[in-house]
Amino acid sequence: MGVTPDAQTMQPGDVASEIIEKIGNGPVHVVGEANRSIASHVWTVDRRHLVEMMSAAWRHFADEQATSGH
């Protein structure tokens, strides 16, 4: 696809292995040490908490839509 991997690029097998190893942690694992370092600066709130907040907000929105007839 025109992308040349460098020393920082994770191999697909390594990504898959890390995901499988951490699958029990839910939608909160960032693959790769370099990616985790970057993510810690971008996502200042705990990602699990953020996912739970967003899920609750969407659930509330869906409930409101269902009861209002929209």
N, C-alpha and C. Protein backbone atom coordinates (compact mmCIF):
# COMPACT_ATOMS: atom_id res chain seq x y z
N MET A 1 0.83 -1.19 0.00
CA MET A 1 0.00 0.00 0.00
C MET A 1 0.86 1.25 0.00
N GLY A 2 2.14 1.10 -0.24
CA GLY A 2 3.01 2.25 -0.31
C GLY A 2 3.57 2.70 1.03
N VAL A 3 3.37 1.92 2.09
CA VAL A 3 3.88 2.27 3.41
C VAL A 3 5.08 1.39 3.69
N THR A 4 6.19 2.02 3.99
CA THR A 4 7.39 1.28 4.32
C THR A 4 7.52 1.19 5.83
N PRO A 5 7.47 -0.02 6.40
CA PRO A 5 7.59 -0.16 7.85
C PRO A 5 8.96 0.31 8.33
N ASP A 6 8.99 0.91 9.49
CA ASP A 6 10.26 1.30 10.10
C ASP A 6 10.42 0.51 11.39
N ALA A 7 11.41 0.85 12.17
CA ALA A 7 11.68 0.12 13.41
C ALA A 7 10.52 0.22 14.40
N GLN A 8 9.71 1.27 14.32
CA GLN A 8 8.59 1.48 15.24
C GLN A 8 7.33 0.74 14.80
N THR A 9 7.27 0.31 13.53
CA THR A 9 6.07 -0.33 12.99
C THR A 9 5.91 -1.73 13.57
N MET A 10 4.75 -1.99 14.13
CA MET A 10 4.47 -3.32 14.67
C MET A 10 4.06 -4.25 13.53
N GLN A 11 4.46 -5.48 13.64
CA GLN A 11 4.08 -6.49 12.67
C GLN A 11 2.66 -6.98 12.98
N PRO A 12 1.89 -7.33 11.95
CA PRO A 12 0.50 -7.76 12.17
C PRO A 12 0.37 -8.89 13.20
N GLY A 13 1.26 -9.86 13.17
CA GLY A 13 1.20 -10.96 14.13
C GLY A 13 1.40 -10.49 15.56
N ASP A 14 2.29 -9.50 15.74
CA ASP A 14 2.52 -8.95 17.08
C ASP A 14 1.29 -8.19 17.58
N VAL A 15 0.66 -7.44 16.67
CA VAL A 15 -0.57 -6.71 17.03
C VAL A 15 -1.66 -7.69 17.43
N ALA A 16 -1.86 -8.71 16.62
CA ALA A 16 -2.90 -9.70 16.91
C ALA A 16 -2.63 -10.41 18.23
N SER A 17 -1.39 -10.78 18.48
CA SER A 17 -1.05 -11.46 19.73
C SER A 17 -1.33 -10.59 20.94
N GLU A 18 -0.97 -9.31 20.85
CA GLU A 18 -1.20 -8.41 21.98
C GLU A 18 -2.69 -8.20 22.21
N ILE A 19 -3.46 -8.07 21.12
CA ILE A 19 -4.90 -7.90 21.26
C ILE A 19 -5.52 -9.13 21.93
N ILE A 20 -5.14 -10.31 21.47
CA ILE A 20 -5.70 -11.55 22.04
C ILE A 20 -5.31 -11.67 23.51
N GLU A 21 -4.08 -11.31 23.84
CA GLU A 21 -3.62 -11.38 25.23
C GLU A 21 -4.42 -10.46 26.14
N LYS A 22 -4.86 -9.32 25.64
CA LYS A 22 -5.55 -8.31 26.45
C LYS A 22 -7.04 -8.27 26.22
N ILE A 23 -7.61 -9.21 25.48
CA ILE A 23 -9.02 -9.15 25.08
C ILE A 23 -9.98 -9.09 26.27
N GLY A 24 -9.60 -9.66 27.39
CA GLY A 24 -10.47 -9.63 28.57
C GLY A 24 -10.58 -8.26 29.21
N ASN A 25 -9.76 -7.31 28.78
CA ASN A 25 -9.78 -5.96 29.35
C ASN A 25 -10.82 -5.06 28.71
N GLY A 26 -11.56 -5.58 27.74
CA GLY A 26 -12.58 -4.76 27.10
C GLY A 26 -11.99 -3.79 26.09
N PRO A 27 -12.76 -2.79 25.69
CA PRO A 27 -12.32 -1.89 24.62
C PRO A 27 -11.37 -0.80 25.13
N VAL A 28 -10.34 -1.20 25.84
CA VAL A 28 -9.49 -0.17 26.45
C VAL A 28 -8.01 -0.35 26.16
N HIS A 29 -7.61 -1.38 25.45
CA HIS A 29 -6.19 -1.64 25.26
C HIS A 29 -5.68 -0.97 24.00
N VAL A 30 -4.63 -0.19 24.12
CA VAL A 30 -3.94 0.41 22.98
C VAL A 30 -2.73 -0.47 22.69
N VAL A 31 -2.64 -0.94 21.47
CA VAL A 31 -1.58 -1.87 21.09
C VAL A 31 -0.27 -1.12 20.84
N GLY A 32 0.81 -1.64 21.42
CA GLY A 32 2.15 -1.10 21.17
C GLY A 32 2.56 -0.05 22.18
N GLU A 33 3.78 -0.18 22.66
CA GLU A 33 4.30 0.75 23.66
C GLU A 33 4.31 2.20 23.15
N ALA A 34 4.76 2.39 21.91
CA ALA A 34 4.79 3.75 21.34
C ALA A 34 3.39 4.34 21.24
N ASN A 35 2.43 3.51 20.83
CA ASN A 35 1.03 3.97 20.72
C ASN A 35 0.46 4.31 22.09
N ARG A 36 0.80 3.49 23.10
CA ARG A 36 0.31 3.77 24.46
C ARG A 36 0.89 5.09 24.97
N SER A 37 2.13 5.36 24.64
CA SER A 37 2.75 6.61 25.07
C SER A 37 2.03 7.81 24.45
N ILE A 38 1.75 7.72 23.16
CA ILE A 38 1.03 8.80 22.47
C ILE A 38 -0.38 8.93 23.03
N ALA A 39 -1.06 7.80 23.19
CA ALA A 39 -2.44 7.81 23.68
C ALA A 39 -2.56 8.44 25.06
N SER A 40 -1.56 8.22 25.90
CA SER A 40 -1.62 8.78 27.25
C SER A 40 -1.62 10.30 27.23
N HIS A 41 -1.09 10.88 26.18
CA HIS A 41 -1.09 12.35 26.06
C HIS A 41 -2.36 12.87 25.39
N VAL A 42 -2.96 12.03 24.55
CA VAL A 42 -4.17 12.42 23.83
C VAL A 42 -5.41 12.18 24.68
N TRP A 43 -5.49 11.01 25.28
CA TRP A 43 -6.63 10.64 26.11
C TRP A 43 -6.27 10.88 27.56
N THR A 44 -6.62 12.04 28.05
CA THR A 44 -6.28 12.37 29.43
C THR A 44 -7.25 11.75 30.43
N VAL A 45 -8.40 11.30 29.95
CA VAL A 45 -9.36 10.61 30.82
C VAL A 45 -9.18 9.11 30.60
N ASP A 46 -9.41 8.33 31.63
CA ASP A 46 -9.33 6.88 31.54
C ASP A 46 -10.25 6.39 30.43
N ARG A 47 -9.71 5.62 29.49
CA ARG A 47 -10.48 5.21 28.32
C ARG A 47 -11.68 4.35 28.70
N ARG A 48 -11.52 3.45 29.67
CA ARG A 48 -12.65 2.61 30.09
C ARG A 48 -13.78 3.50 30.62
N HIS A 49 -13.44 4.48 31.43
CA HIS A 49 -14.44 5.40 31.97
C HIS A 49 -15.11 6.18 30.82
N LEU A 50 -14.32 6.61 29.85
CA LEU A 50 -14.87 7.34 28.72
C LEU A 50 -15.86 6.48 27.93
N VAL A 51 -15.50 5.22 27.67
CA VAL A 51 -16.40 4.32 26.95
C VAL A 51 -17.68 4.10 27.74
N GLU A 52 -17.57 3.93 29.05
CA GLU A 52 -18.76 3.75 29.89
C GLU A 52 -19.64 4.99 29.88
N MET A 53 -19.03 6.19 29.94
CA MET A 53 -19.81 7.44 29.90
C MET A 53 -20.53 7.59 28.57
N MET A 54 -19.82 7.32 27.47
CA MET A 54 -20.43 7.45 26.14
C MET A 54 -21.57 6.44 25.97
N SER A 55 -21.37 5.22 26.46
CA SER A 55 -22.42 4.20 26.37
C SER A 55 -23.66 4.62 27.14
N ALA A 56 -23.46 5.15 28.33
CA ALA A 56 -24.59 5.60 29.14
C ALA A 56 -25.31 6.76 28.46
N ALA A 57 -24.56 7.67 27.86
CA ALA A 57 -25.18 8.82 27.19
C ALA A 57 -26.02 8.36 25.99
N TRP A 58 -25.48 7.42 25.21
CA TRP A 58 -26.23 6.93 24.06
C TRP A 58 -27.44 6.12 24.49
N ARG A 59 -27.30 5.37 25.57
CA ARG A 59 -28.44 4.60 26.09
C ARG A 59 -29.55 5.56 26.51
N HIS A 60 -29.19 6.64 27.20
CA HIS A 60 -30.16 7.64 27.64
C HIS A 60 -30.82 8.28 26.42
N PHE A 61 -30.03 8.64 25.42
CA PHE A 61 -30.55 9.23 24.19
C PHE A 61 -31.55 8.29 23.51
N ALA A 62 -31.18 7.01 23.40
CA ALA A 62 -32.07 6.03 22.77
C ALA A 62 -33.37 5.88 23.55
N ASP A 63 -33.26 5.85 24.88
CA ASP A 63 -34.47 5.75 25.71
C ASP A 63 -35.36 6.97 25.51
N GLU A 64 -34.77 8.13 25.46
CA GLU A 64 -35.55 9.37 25.24
C GLU A 64 -36.23 9.35 23.90
N GLN A 65 -35.54 8.89 22.87
CA GLN A 65 -36.12 8.82 21.53
C GLN A 65 -37.27 7.83 21.49
N ALA A 66 -37.10 6.71 22.19
CA ALA A 66 -38.15 5.67 22.20
C ALA A 66 -39.41 6.16 22.91
N THR A 67 -39.25 6.91 23.98
CA THR A 67 -40.42 7.36 24.73
C THR A 67 -41.06 8.60 24.13
N SER A 68 -40.32 9.34 23.29
CA SER A 68 -40.89 10.54 22.69
C SER A 68 -41.53 10.27 21.34
N GLY A 69 -41.37 9.05 20.84
CA GLY A 69 -42.00 8.70 19.59
C GLY A 69 -41.23 9.09 18.35
N HIS A 70 -39.98 9.45 18.49
CA HIS A 70 -39.17 9.83 17.32
C HIS A 70 -38.49 8.65 16.72
